[in-house]
PDB file of N, CA and C in Angstrom:
ATOM      1  N   MET A   1     -39.593 -77.211 -83.625  1.00  0.00           N
ATOM      2  CA  MET A   1     -38.506 -77.877 -84.316  1.00  0.00           C
ATOM      3  C   MET A   1     -38.333 -79.283 -83.728  1.00  0.00           C
ATOM      4  N   SER A   2     -38.200 -80.256 -84.578  1.00  0.00           N
ATOM      5  CA  SER A   2     -38.029 -81.647 -84.154  1.00  0.00           C
ATOM      6  C   SER A   2     -36.627 -81.882 -83.612  1.00  0.00           C
ATOM      7  N   ARG A   3     -36.551 -82.813 -82.707  1.00  0.00           N
ATOM      8  CA  ARG A   3     -35.247 -83.245 -82.214  1.00  0.00           C
ATOM      9  C   ARG A   3     -34.645 -84.169 -83.269  1.00  0.00           C
ATOM     10  N   VAL A   4     -33.368 -83.987 -83.536  1.00  0.00           N
ATOM     11  CA  VAL A   4     -32.667 -84.796 -84.530  1.00  0.00           C
ATOM     12  C   VAL A   4     -31.545 -85.541 -83.834  1.00  0.00           C
ATOM     13  N   ILE A   5     -31.442 -86.822 -84.125  1.00  0.00           N
ATOM     14  CA  ILE A   5     -30.346 -87.631 -83.600  1.00  0.00           C
ATOM     15  C   ILE A   5     -29.539 -88.157 -84.779  1.00  0.00           C
ATOM     16  N   LEU A   6     -28.237 -87.923 -84.714  1.00  0.00           N
ATOM     17  CA  LEU A   6     -27.317 -88.486 -85.694  1.00  0.00           C
ATOM     18  C   LEU A   6     -26.714 -89.729 -85.060  1.00  0.00           C
ATOM     19  N   LEU A   7     -27.010 -90.870 -85.638  1.00  0.00           N
ATOM     20  CA  LEU A   7     -26.473 -92.105 -85.081  1.00  0.00           C
ATOM     21  C   LEU A   7     -25.001 -92.247 -85.419  1.00  0.00           C
ATOM     22  N   ASP A   8     -24.242 -92.673 -84.450  1.00  0.00           N
ATOM     23  CA  ASP A   8     -22.843 -92.987 -84.652  1.00  0.00           C
ATOM     24  C   ASP A   8     -22.750 -94.480 -84.972  1.00  0.00           C
ATOM     25  N   THR A   9     -21.548 -94.962 -85.205  1.00  0.00           N
ATOM     26  CA  THR A   9     -21.337 -96.339 -85.645  1.00  0.00           C
ATOM     27  C   THR A   9     -21.912 -97.380 -84.689  1.00  0.00           C
ATOM     28  N   TYR A  10     -21.655 -97.242 -83.407  1.00  0.00           N
ATOM     29  CA  TYR A  10     -22.101 -98.269 -82.450  1.00  0.00           C
ATOM     30  C   TYR A  10     -23.626 -98.393 -82.410  1.00  0.00           C
ATOM     31  N   PRO A  11     -24.362 -97.299 -82.182  1.00  0.00           N
ATOM     32  CA  PRO A  11     -25.819 -97.476 -82.170  1.00  0.00           C
ATOM     33  C   PRO A  11     -26.372 -97.912 -83.524  1.00  0.00           C
ATOM     34  N   LEU A  12     -25.755 -97.465 -84.619  1.00  0.00           N
ATOM     35  CA  LEU A  12     -26.204 -97.902 -85.937  1.00  0.00           C
ATOM     36  C   LEU A  12     -26.065 -99.411 -86.087  1.00  0.00           C
ATOM     37  N   SER A  13     -24.947 -99.953 -85.630  1.00  0.00           N
ATOM     38  CA  SER A  13     -24.748-101.405 -85.731  1.00  0.00           C
ATOM     39  C   SER A  13     -25.752-102.156 -84.865  1.00  0.00           C
ATOM     40  N   LYS A  14     -26.132-101.585 -83.734  1.00  0.00           N
ATOM     41  CA  LYS A  14     -27.107-102.237 -82.854  1.00  0.00           C
ATOM     42  C   LYS A  14     -28.518-102.182 -83.443  1.00  0.00           C
ATOM     43  N   VAL A  15     -28.885-101.064 -84.029  1.00  0.00           N
ATOM     44  CA  VAL A  15     -30.218-100.895 -84.606  1.00  0.00           C
ATOM     45  C   VAL A  15     -30.410-101.761 -85.843  1.00  0.00           C
ATOM     46  N   THR A  16     -29.357-101.979 -86.611  1.00  0.00           N
ATOM     47  CA  THR A  16     -29.479-102.737 -87.854  1.00  0.00           C
ATOM     48  C   THR A  16     -29.111-104.213 -87.705  1.00  0.00           C
ATOM     49  N   HIS A  17     -28.786-104.647 -86.513  1.00  0.00           N
ATOM     50  CA  HIS A  17     -28.434-106.051 -86.277  1.00  0.00           C
ATOM     51  C   HIS A  17     -29.662-106.931 -86.522  1.00  0.00           C
ATOM     52  N   PRO A  18     -29.504-108.073 -87.232  1.00  0.00           N
ATOM     53  CA  PRO A  18     -30.659-108.934 -87.524  1.00  0.00           C
ATOM     54  C   PRO A  18     -31.357-109.467 -86.265  1.00  0.00           C
ATOM     55  N   LYS A  19     -30.598-109.666 -85.209  1.00  0.00           N
ATOM     56  CA  LYS A  19     -31.180-110.123 -83.941  1.00  0.00           C
ATOM     57  C   LYS A  19     -31.126-108.952 -82.962  1.00  0.00           C
ATOM     58  N   ILE A  20     -31.947-107.964 -83.216  1.00  0.00           N
ATOM     59  CA  ILE A  20     -31.907-106.735 -82.439  1.00  0.00           C
ATOM     60  C   ILE A  20     -32.264-107.000 -80.974  1.00  0.00           C
ATOM     61  N   ASP A  21     -31.460-106.466 -80.101  1.00  0.00           N
ATOM     62  CA  ASP A  21     -31.667-106.581 -78.660  1.00  0.00           C
ATOM     63  C   ASP A  21     -33.004-105.905 -78.306  1.00  0.00           C
ATOM     64  N   PRO A  22     -33.840-106.532 -77.481  1.00  0.00           N
ATOM     65  CA  PRO A  22     -35.121-105.921 -77.109  1.00  0.00           C
ATOM     66  C   PRO A  22     -34.979-104.520 -76.504  1.00  0.00           C
ATOM     67  N   LYS A  23     -33.909-104.269 -75.739  1.00  0.00           N
ATOM     68  CA  LYS A  23     -33.692-102.936 -75.175  1.00  0.00           C
ATOM     69  C   LYS A  23     -33.424-101.909 -76.272  1.00  0.00           C
ATOM     70  N   VAL A  24     -32.663-102.319 -77.273  1.00  0.00           N
ATOM     71  CA  VAL A  24     -32.371-101.435 -78.397  1.00  0.00           C
ATOM     72  C   VAL A  24     -33.655-101.178 -79.181  1.00  0.00           C
ATOM     73  N   GLN A  25     -34.437-102.214 -79.388  1.00  0.00           N
ATOM     74  CA  GLN A  25     -35.707-102.091 -80.107  1.00  0.00           C
ATOM     75  C   GLN A  25     -36.640-101.124 -79.375  1.00  0.00           C
ATOM     76  N   GLN A  26     -36.711-101.242 -78.060  1.00  0.00           N
ATOM     77  CA  GLN A  26     -37.547-100.359 -77.231  1.00  0.00           C
ATOM     78  C   GLN A  26     -37.068 -98.911 -77.351  1.00  0.00           C
ATOM     79  N   TRP A  27     -35.750 -98.716 -77.259  1.00  0.00           N
ATOM     80  CA  TRP A  27     -35.168 -97.381 -77.379  1.00  0.00           C
ATOM     81  C   TRP A  27     -35.504 -96.767 -78.733  1.00  0.00           C
ATOM     82  N   PHE A  28     -35.318 -97.553 -79.784  1.00  0.00           N
ATOM     83  CA  PHE A  28     -35.570 -97.061 -81.133  1.00  0.00           C
ATOM     84  C   PHE A  28     -37.052 -96.742 -81.321  1.00  0.00           C
ATOM     85  N   LYS A  29     -37.905 -97.597 -80.810  1.00  0.00           N
ATOM     86  CA  LYS A  29     -39.351 -97.378 -80.914  1.00  0.00           C
ATOM     87  C   LYS A  29     -39.744 -96.097 -80.180  1.00  0.00           C
ATOM     88  N   SER A  30     -39.146 -95.848 -79.016  1.00  0.00           N
ATOM     89  CA  SER A  30     -39.459 -94.630 -78.264  1.00  0.00           C
ATOM     90  C   SER A  30     -39.053 -93.380 -79.044  1.00  0.00           C
ATOM     91  N   LEU A  31     -37.952 -93.467 -79.785  1.00  0.00           N
ATOM     92  CA  LEU A  31     -37.538 -92.341 -80.619  1.00  0.00           C
ATOM     93  C   LEU A  31     -38.558 -92.087 -81.723  1.00  0.00           C
ATOM     94  N   GLN A  32     -39.007 -93.152 -82.361  1.00  0.00           N
ATOM     95  CA  GLN A  32     -39.993 -93.017 -83.425  1.00  0.00           C
ATOM     96  C   GLN A  32     -41.304 -92.445 -82.895  1.00  0.00           C
ATOM     97  N   GLU A  33     -41.737 -92.928 -81.733  1.00  0.00           N
ATOM     98  CA  GLU A  33     -42.991 -92.458 -81.144  1.00  0.00           C
ATOM     99  C   GLU A  33     -42.915 -90.992 -80.735  1.00  0.00           C
ATOM    100  N   SER A  34     -41.741 -90.528 -80.360  1.00  0.00           N
ATOM    101  CA  SER A  34     -41.575 -89.129 -79.950  1.00  0.00           C
ATOM    102  C   SER A  34     -41.307 -88.220 -81.154  1.00  0.00           C
ATOM    103  N   LYS A  35     -41.426 -88.779 -82.339  1.00  0.00           N
ATOM    104  CA  LYS A  35     -41.224 -88.036 -83.591  1.00  0.00           C
ATOM    105  C   LYS A  35     -39.804 -87.482 -83.724  1.00  0.00           C
ATOM    106  N   THR A  36     -38.852 -88.166 -83.086  1.00  0.00           N
ATOM    107  CA  THR A  36     -37.444 -87.801 -83.217  1.00  0.00           C
ATOM    108  C   THR A  36     -36.980 -88.180 -84.619  1.00  0.00           C
ATOM    109  N   VAL A  37     -36.286 -87.285 -85.263  1.00  0.00           N
ATOM    110  CA  VAL A  37     -35.764 -87.529 -86.605  1.00  0.00           C
ATOM    111  C   VAL A  37     -34.410 -88.226 -86.468  1.00  0.00           C
ATOM    112  N   ILE A  38     -34.284 -89.382 -87.085  1.00  0.00           N
ATOM    113  CA  ILE A  38     -33.043 -90.163 -87.038  1.00  0.00           C
ATOM    114  C   ILE A  38     -32.304 -89.956 -88.353  1.00  0.00           C
ATOM    115  N   ARG A  39     -31.035 -89.658 -88.267  1.00  0.00           N
ATOM    116  CA  ARG A  39     -30.204 -89.489 -89.453  1.00  0.00           C
ATOM    117  C   ARG A  39     -28.883 -90.228 -89.264  1.00  0.00           C
ATOM    118  N   ILE A  40     -28.321 -90.666 -90.389  1.00  0.00           N
ATOM    119  CA  ILE A  40     -27.045 -91.367 -90.399  1.00  0.00           C
ATOM    120  C   ILE A  40     -26.102 -90.619 -91.342  1.00  0.00           C
ATOM    121  N   PRO A  41     -25.046 -90.025 -90.820  1.00  0.00           N
ATOM    122  CA  PRO A  41     -24.041 -89.447 -91.713  1.00  0.00           C
ATOM    123  C   PRO A  41     -23.424 -90.574 -92.565  1.00  0.00           C
ATOM    124  N   GLU A  42     -23.218 -90.295 -93.811  1.00  0.00           N
ATOM    125  CA  GLU A  42     -22.721 -91.327 -94.723  1.00  0.00           C
ATOM    126  C   GLU A  42     -21.419 -91.962 -94.246  1.00  0.00           C
ATOM    127  N   ILE A  43     -20.551 -91.192 -93.609  1.00  0.00           N
ATOM    128  CA  ILE A  43     -19.297 -91.758 -93.098  1.00  0.00           C
ATOM    129  C   ILE A  43     -19.590 -92.789 -92.012  1.00  0.00           C
ATOM    130  N   THR A  44     -20.655 -92.598 -91.263  1.00  0.00           N
ATOM    131  CA  THR A  44     -21.048 -93.560 -90.229  1.00  0.00           C
ATOM    132  C   THR A  44     -21.541 -94.853 -90.858  1.00  0.00           C
ATOM    133  N   ASP A  45     -22.208 -94.762 -91.995  1.00  0.00           N
ATOM    134  CA  ASP A  45     -22.660 -95.945 -92.727  1.00  0.00           C
ATOM    135  C   ASP A  45     -21.461 -96.743 -93.243  1.00  0.00           C
ATOM    136  N   TYR A  46     -20.440 -96.035 -93.683  1.00  0.00           N
ATOM    137  CA  TYR A  46     -19.261 -96.667 -94.276  1.00  0.00           C
ATOM    138  C   TYR A  46     -18.546 -97.615 -93.312  1.00  0.00           C
ATOM    139  N   GLU A  47     -18.379 -97.184 -92.074  1.00  0.00           N
ATOM    140  CA  GLU A  47     -17.576 -97.955 -91.131  1.00  0.00           C
ATOM    141  C   GLU A  47     -18.128 -99.359 -90.856  1.00  0.00           C
ATOM    142  N   PRO A  48     -19.396 -99.508 -90.474  1.00  0.00           N
ATOM    143  CA  PRO A  48     -19.888-100.883 -90.270  1.00  0.00           C
ATOM    144  C   PRO A  48     -20.047-101.637 -91.596  1.00  0.00           C
ATOM    145  N   ARG A  49     -20.354-100.900 -92.665  1.00  0.00           N
ATOM    146  CA  ARG A  49     -20.544-101.550 -93.971  1.00  0.00           C
ATOM    147  C   ARG A  49     -19.289-102.294 -94.418  1.00  0.00           C
ATOM    148  N   ARG A  50     -18.137-101.663 -94.270  1.00  0.00           N
ATOM    149  CA  ARG A  50     -16.904-102.327 -94.721  1.00  0.00           C
ATOM    150  C   ARG A  50     -16.646-103.601 -93.920  1.00  0.00           C
ATOM    151  N   GLU A  51     -16.981-103.589 -92.622  1.00  0.00           N
ATOM    152  CA  GLU A  51     -16.801-104.788 -91.800  1.00  0.00           C
ATOM    153  C   GLU A  51     -17.810-105.870 -92.161  1.00  0.00           C
ATOM    154  N   LEU A  52     -19.046-105.477 -92.419  1.00  0.00           N
ATOM    155  CA  LEU A  52     -20.074-106.455 -92.800  1.00  0.00           C
ATOM    156  C   LEU A  52     -19.726-107.111 -94.134  1.00  0.00           C
ATOM    157  N   ILE A  53     -19.193-106.343 -95.059  1.00  0.00           N
ATOM    158  CA  ILE A  53     -18.767-106.898 -96.349  1.00  0.00           C
ATOM    159  C   ILE A  53     -17.605-107.861 -96.128  1.00  0.00           C
ATOM    160  N   ARG A  54     -16.632-107.436 -95.319  1.00  0.00           N
ATOM    161  CA  ARG A  54     -15.464-108.282 -95.046  1.00  0.00           C
ATOM    162  C   ARG A  54     -15.882-109.598 -94.401  1.00  0.00           C
ATOM    163  N   GLU A  55     -16.879-109.546 -93.508  1.00  0.00           N
ATOM    164  CA  GLU A  55     -17.325-110.735 -92.791  1.00  0.00           C
ATOM    165  C   GLU A  55     -18.412-111.520 -93.541  1.00  0.00           C
ATOM    166  N   GLY A  56     -18.859-110.994 -94.680  1.00  0.00           N
ATOM    167  CA  GLY A  56     -19.873-111.687 -95.478  1.00  0.00           C
ATOM    168  C   GLY A  56     -21.241-111.763 -94.802  1.00  0.00           C
ATOM    169  N   LYS A  57     -21.604-110.762 -94.046  1.00  0.00           N
ATOM    170  CA  LYS A  57     -22.874-110.755 -93.304  1.00  0.00           C
ATOM    171  C   LYS A  57     -23.961-110.079 -94.132  1.00  0.00           C
ATOM    172  N   SER A  58     -24.537-110.843 -95.047  1.00  0.00           N
ATOM    173  CA  SER A  58     -25.496-110.287 -95.996  1.00  0.00           C
ATOM    174  C   SER A  58     -26.798-109.813 -95.348  1.00  0.00           C
ATOM    175  N   ARG A  59     -27.286-110.523 -94.333  1.00  0.00           N
ATOM    176  CA  ARG A  59     -28.526-110.080 -93.676  1.00  0.00           C
ATOM    177  C   ARG A  59     -28.339-108.722 -93.007  1.00  0.00           C
ATOM    178  N   SER A  60     -27.223-108.549 -92.348  1.00  0.00           N
ATOM    179  CA  SER A  60     -26.939-107.257 -91.710  1.00  0.00           C
ATOM    180  C   SER A  60     -26.760-106.163 -92.761  1.00  0.00           C
ATOM    181  N   LEU A  61     -26.128-106.501 -93.881  1.00  0.00           N
ATOM    182  CA  LEU A  61     -25.973-105.528 -94.969  1.00  0.00           C
ATOM    183  C   LEU A  61     -27.332-105.107 -95.530  1.00  0.00           C
ATOM    184  N   GLU A  62     -28.238-106.062 -95.681  1.00  0.00           N
ATOM    185  CA  GLU A  62     -29.584-105.737 -96.174  1.00  0.00           C
ATOM    186  C   GLU A  62     -30.292-104.786 -95.215  1.00  0.00           C
ATOM    187  N   ARG A  63     -30.191-105.044 -93.927  1.00  0.00           N
ATOM    188  CA  ARG A  63     -30.826-104.171 -92.928  1.00  0.00           C
ATOM    189  C   ARG A  63     -30.196-102.774 -92.943  1.00  0.00           C
ATOM    190  N   LEU A  64     -28.879-102.730 -93.072  1.00  0.00           N
ATOM    191  CA  LEU A  64     -28.184-101.450 -93.150  1.00  0.00           C
ATOM    192  C   LEU A  64     -28.607-100.695 -94.404  1.00  0.00           C
ATOM    193  N   ASP A  65     -28.713-101.395 -95.528  1.00  0.00           N
ATOM    194  CA  ASP A  65     -29.164-100.761 -96.778  1.00  0.00           C
ATOM    195  C   ASP A  65     -30.550-100.148 -96.608  1.00  0.00           C
ATOM    196  N   THR A  66     -31.463-100.908 -96.036  1.00  0.00           N
ATOM    197  CA  THR A  66     -32.838-100.437 -95.855  1.00  0.00           C
ATOM    198  C   THR A  66     -32.865 -99.198 -94.962  1.00  0.00           C
ATOM    199  N   PHE A  67     -32.174 -99.281 -93.852  1.00  0.00           N
ATOM    200  CA  PHE A  67     -32.149 -98.174 -92.906  1.00  0.00           C
ATOM    201  C   PHE A  67     -31.497 -96.944 -93.524  1.00  0.00           C
ATOM    202  N   SER A  68     -30.411 -97.145 -94.235  1.00  0.00           N
ATOM    203  CA  SER A  68     -29.681 -96.027 -94.841  1.00  0.00           C
ATOM    204  C   SER A  68     -30.487 -95.344 -95.939  1.00  0.00           C
ATOM    205  N   GLN A  69     -31.313 -96.088 -96.650  1.00  0.00           N
ATOM    206  CA  GLN A  69     -32.140 -95.484 -97.702  1.00  0.00           C
ATOM    207  C   GLN A  69     -33.095 -94.445 -97.124  1.00  0.00           C
ATOM    208  N   ILE A  70     -33.497 -94.637 -95.895  1.00  0.00           N
ATOM    209  CA  ILE A  70     -34.450 -93.739 -95.252  1.00  0.00           C
ATOM    210  C   ILE A  70     -33.755 -92.570 -94.561  1.00  0.00           C
ATOM    211  N   CYS A  71     -32.612 -92.816 -93.958  1.00  0.00           N
ATOM    212  CA  CYS A  71     -32.022 -91.859 -93.010  1.00  0.00           C
ATOM    213  C   CYS A  71     -30.679 -91.264 -93.419  1.00  0.00           C
ATOM    214  N   LEU A  72     -30.112 -91.665 -94.523  1.00  0.00           N
ATOM    215  CA  LEU A  72     -28.743 -91.293 -94.863  1.00  0.00           C
ATOM    216  C   LEU A  72     -28.588 -89.807 -95.196  1.00  0.00           C
ATOM    217  N   ILE A  73     -27.553 -89.206 -94.655  1.00  0.00           N
ATOM    218  CA  ILE A  73     -27.145 -87.852 -95.033  1.00  0.00           C
ATOM    219  C   ILE A  73     -25.913 -88.020 -95.916  1.00  0.00           C
ATOM    220  N   PRO A  74     -26.046 -87.786 -97.223  1.00  0.00           N
ATOM    221  CA  PRO A  74     -24.905 -87.988 -98.126  1.00  0.00           C
ATOM    222  C   PRO A  74     -23.750 -87.041 -97.807  1.00  0.00           C
ATOM    223  N   ILE A  75     -22.550 -87.519 -98.088  1.00  0.00           N
ATOM    224  CA  ILE A  75     -21.380 -86.668 -97.906  1.00  0.00           C
ATOM    225  C   ILE A  75     -21.273 -85.746 -99.122  1.00  0.00           C
ATOM    226  N   THR A  76     -21.384 -84.475 -98.839  1.00  0.00           N
ATOM    227  CA  THR A  76     -21.166 -83.441 -99.849  1.00  0.00           C
ATOM    228  C   THR A  76     -20.363 -82.337 -99.158  1.00  0.00           C
ATOM    229  N   SER A  77     -19.825 -81.460 -99.914  1.00  0.00           N
ATOM    230  CA  SER A  77     -19.106 -80.322 -99.322  1.00  0.00           C
ATOM    231  C   SER A  77     -20.044 -79.535 -98.418  1.00  0.00           C
ATOM    232  N   GLU A  78     -21.274 -79.358 -98.862  1.00  0.00           N
ATOM    233  CA  GLU A  78     -22.257 -78.618 -98.065  1.00  0.00           C
ATOM    234  C   GLU A  78     -22.522 -79.321 -96.731  1.00  0.00           C
ATOM    235  N   THR A  79     -22.642 -80.651 -96.765  1.00  0.00           N
ATOM    236  CA  THR A  79     -22.885 -81.418 -95.545  1.00  0.00           C
ATOM    237  C   THR A  79     -21.727 -81.286 -94.576  1.00  0.00           C
ATOM    238  N   ILE A  80     -20.509 -81.396 -95.081  1.00  0.00           N
ATOM    239  CA  ILE A  80     -19.325 -81.297 -94.227  1.00  0.00           C
ATOM    240  C   ILE A  80     -19.248 -79.907 -93.593  1.00  0.00           C
ATOM    241  N   ARG A  81     -19.517 -78.893 -94.365  1.00  0.00           N
ATOM    242  CA  ARG A  81     -19.471 -77.525 -93.832  1.00  0.00           C
ATOM    243  C   ARG A  81     -20.549 -77.318 -92.765  1.00  0.00           C
ATOM    244  N   LYS A  82     -21.747 -77.826 -93.033  1.00  0.00           N
ATOM    245  CA  LYS A  82     -22.840 -77.688 -92.068  1.00  0.00           C
ATOM    246  C   LYS A  82     -22.526 -78.459 -90.784  1.00  0.00           C
ATOM    247  N   ALA A  83     -21.948 -79.643 -90.906  1.00  0.00           N
ATOM    248  CA  ALA A  83     -21.581 -80.438 -89.730  1.00  0.00           C
ATOM    249  C   ALA A  83     -20.579 -79.678 -88.860  1.00  0.00           C
ATOM    250  N   ALA A  84     -19.603 -79.065 -89.488  1.00  0.00           N
ATOM    251  CA  ALA A  84     -18.606 -78.294 -88.741  1.00  0.00           C
ATOM    252  C   ALA A  84     -19.257 -77.104 -88.045  1.00  0.00           C
ATOM    253  N   GLU A  85     -20.170 -76.456 -88.752  1.00  0.00           N
ATOM    254  CA  GLU A  85     -20.877 -75.306 -88.178  1.00  0.00           C
ATOM    255  C   GLU A  85     -21.742 -75.729 -86.983  1.00  0.00           C
ATOM    256  N   LEU A  86     -22.490 -76.804 -87.135  1.00  0.00           N
ATOM    257  CA  LEU A  86     -23.347 -77.275 -86.049  1.00  0.00           C
ATOM    258  C   LEU A  86     -22.529 -77.720 -84.843  1.00  0.00           C
ATOM    259  N   GLN A  87     -21.447 -78.420 -85.104  1.00  0.00           N
ATOM    260  CA  GLN A  87     -20.620 -78.893 -83.996  1.00  0.00           C
ATOM    261  C   GLN A  87     -20.047 -77.702 -83.242  1.00  0.00           C
ATOM    262  N   GLN A  88     -19.630 -76.692 -83.953  1.00  0.00           N
ATOM    263  CA  GLN A  88     -19.077 -75.499 -83.316  1.00  0.00           C
ATOM    264  C   GLN A  88     -20.153 -74.747 -82.544  1.00  0.00           C
ATOM    265  N   SER A  89     -21.353 -74.673 -83.104  1.00  0.00           N
ATOM    266  CA  SER A  89     -22.441 -73.918 -82.473  1.00  0.00           C
ATOM    267  C   SER A  89     -23.045 -74.624 -81.273  1.00  0.00           C
ATOM    268  N   TYR A  90     -23.248 -75.935 -81.410  1.00  0.00           N
ATOM    269  CA  TYR A  90     -23.989 -76.665 -80.390  1.00  0.00           C
ATOM    270  C   TYR A  90     -23.149 -77.659 -79.605  1.00  0.00           C
ATOM    271  N   GLY A  91     -22.057 -78.106 -80.190  1.00  0.00           N
ATOM    272  CA  GLY A  91     -21.263 -79.147 -79.546  1.00  0.00           C
ATOM    273  C   GLY A  91     -21.983 -80.478 -79.656  1.00  0.00           C
ATOM    274  N   TYR A  92     -21.467 -81.464 -78.987  1.00  0.00           N
ATOM    275  CA  TYR A  92     -22.073 -82.784 -79.000  1.00  0.00           C
ATOM    276  C   TYR A  92     -22.629 -83.078 -77.621  1.00  0.00           C
ATOM    277  N   ALA A  93     -23.779 -83.661 -77.603  1.00  0.00           N
ATOM    278  CA  ALA A  93     -24.352 -84.138 -76.345  1.00  0.00           C
ATOM    279  C   ALA A  93     -24.326 -85.656 -76.411  1.00  0.00           C
ATOM    280  N   TYR A  94     -24.004 -86.257 -75.320  1.00  0.00           N
ATOM    281  CA  TYR A  94     -23.971 -87.717 -75.284  1.00  0.00           C
ATOM    282  C   TYR A  94     -25.022 -88.202 -74.316  1.00  0.00           C
ATOM    283  N   GLU A  95     -25.766 -89.167 -74.764  1.00  0.00           N
ATOM    284  CA  GLU A  95     -26.833 -89.730 -73.961  1.00  0.00           C
ATOM    285  C   GLU A  95     -26.562 -91.220 -73.824  1.00  0.00           C
ATOM    286  N   ILE A  96     -26.643 -91.725 -72.626  1.00  0.00           N
ATOM    287  CA  ILE A  96     -26.433 -93.145 -72.411  1.00  0.00           C
ATOM    288  C   ILE A  96     -27.705 -93.734 -71.852  1.00  0.00           C
ATOM    289  N   ARG A  97     -28.228 -94.737 -72.520  1.00  0.00           N
ATOM    290  CA  ARG A  97     -29.428 -95.434 -72.084  1.00  0.00           C
ATOM    291  C   ARG A  97     -29.192 -96.919 -72.203  1.00  0.00           C
ATOM    292  N   ASP A  98     -29.294 -97.623 -71.107  1.00  0.00           N
ATOM    293  CA  ASP A  98     -29.188 -99.068 -71.111  1.00  0.00           C
ATOM    294  C   ASP A  98     -27.975 -99.551 -71.911  1.00  0.00           C
ATOM    295  N   SER A  99     -26.836 -98.979 -71.659  1.00  0.00           N
ATOM    296  CA  SER A  99     -25.572 -99.326 -72.295  1.00  0.00           C
ATOM    297  C   SER A  99     -25.525 -99.026 -73.794  1.00  0.00           C
ATOM    298  N   LEU A 100     -26.537 -98.331 -74.314  1.00  0.00           N
ATOM    299  CA  LEU A 100     -26.514 -97.954 -75.717  1.00  0.00           C
ATOM    300  C   LEU A 100     -26.088 -96.506 -75.770  1.00  0.00           C
ATOM    301  N   GLN A 101     -24.924 -96.261 -76.313  1.00  0.00           N
ATOM    302  CA  GLN A 101     -24.415 -94.887 -76.375  1.00  0.00           C
ATOM    303  C   GLN A 101     -24.664 -94.351 -77.764  1.00  0.00           C
ATOM    304  N   GLN A 102     -25.145 -93.137 -77.812  1.00  0.00           N
ATOM    305  CA  GLN A 102     -25.408 -92.498 -79.094  1.00  0.00           C
ATOM    306  C   GLN A 102     -24.829 -91.108 -79.077  1.00  0.00           C
ATOM    307  N   ALA A 103     -24.306 -90.696 -80.189  1.00  0.00           N
ATOM    308  CA  ALA A 103     -23.844 -89.321 -80.308  1.00  0.00           C
ATOM    309  C   ALA A 103     -24.921 -88.567 -81.065  1.00  0.00           C
ATOM    310  N   MET A 104     -25.247 -87.405 -80.583  1.00  0.00           N
ATOM    311  CA  MET A 104     -26.272 -86.641 -81.274  1.00  0.00           C
ATOM    312  C   MET A 104     -25.959 -85.173 -81.209  1.00  0.00           C
ATOM    313  N   ILE A 105     -26.440 -84.469 -82.173  1.00  0.00           N
ATOM    314  CA  ILE A 105     -26.393 -83.018 -82.164  1.00  0.00           C
ATOM    315  C   ILE A 105     -27.784 -82.573 -81.774  1.00  0.00           C
ATOM    316  N   VAL A 106     -27.874 -81.781 -80.720  1.00  0.00           N
ATOM    317  CA  VAL A 106     -29.192 -81.309 -80.257  1.00  0.00           C
ATOM    318  C   VAL A 106     -29.361 -79.837 -80.533  1.00  0.00           C
TER     319      VAL A 106
END
């Protein structure tokens, strides 16, 4: 079974930033190389999106759109129920690497 990481708002904003920090790029590349599955809950996409729209940051919005097309978990009743079940079963693990904090379900 593959490891799955659900990105929270902060790491999502760092990964989709037009001037991505080299440390963040390295971290993200290591996840891809290890065949880690990256997913973004739709509610997580919403939070930075509303700020990017408010601030008129079109390049960041384009990057977020591209990333979300690949990794987005749509909000449905089934998704919400599964999220509650997984959180209850496994809890949340927090990993901190080079000041990049990510929330993931393992």
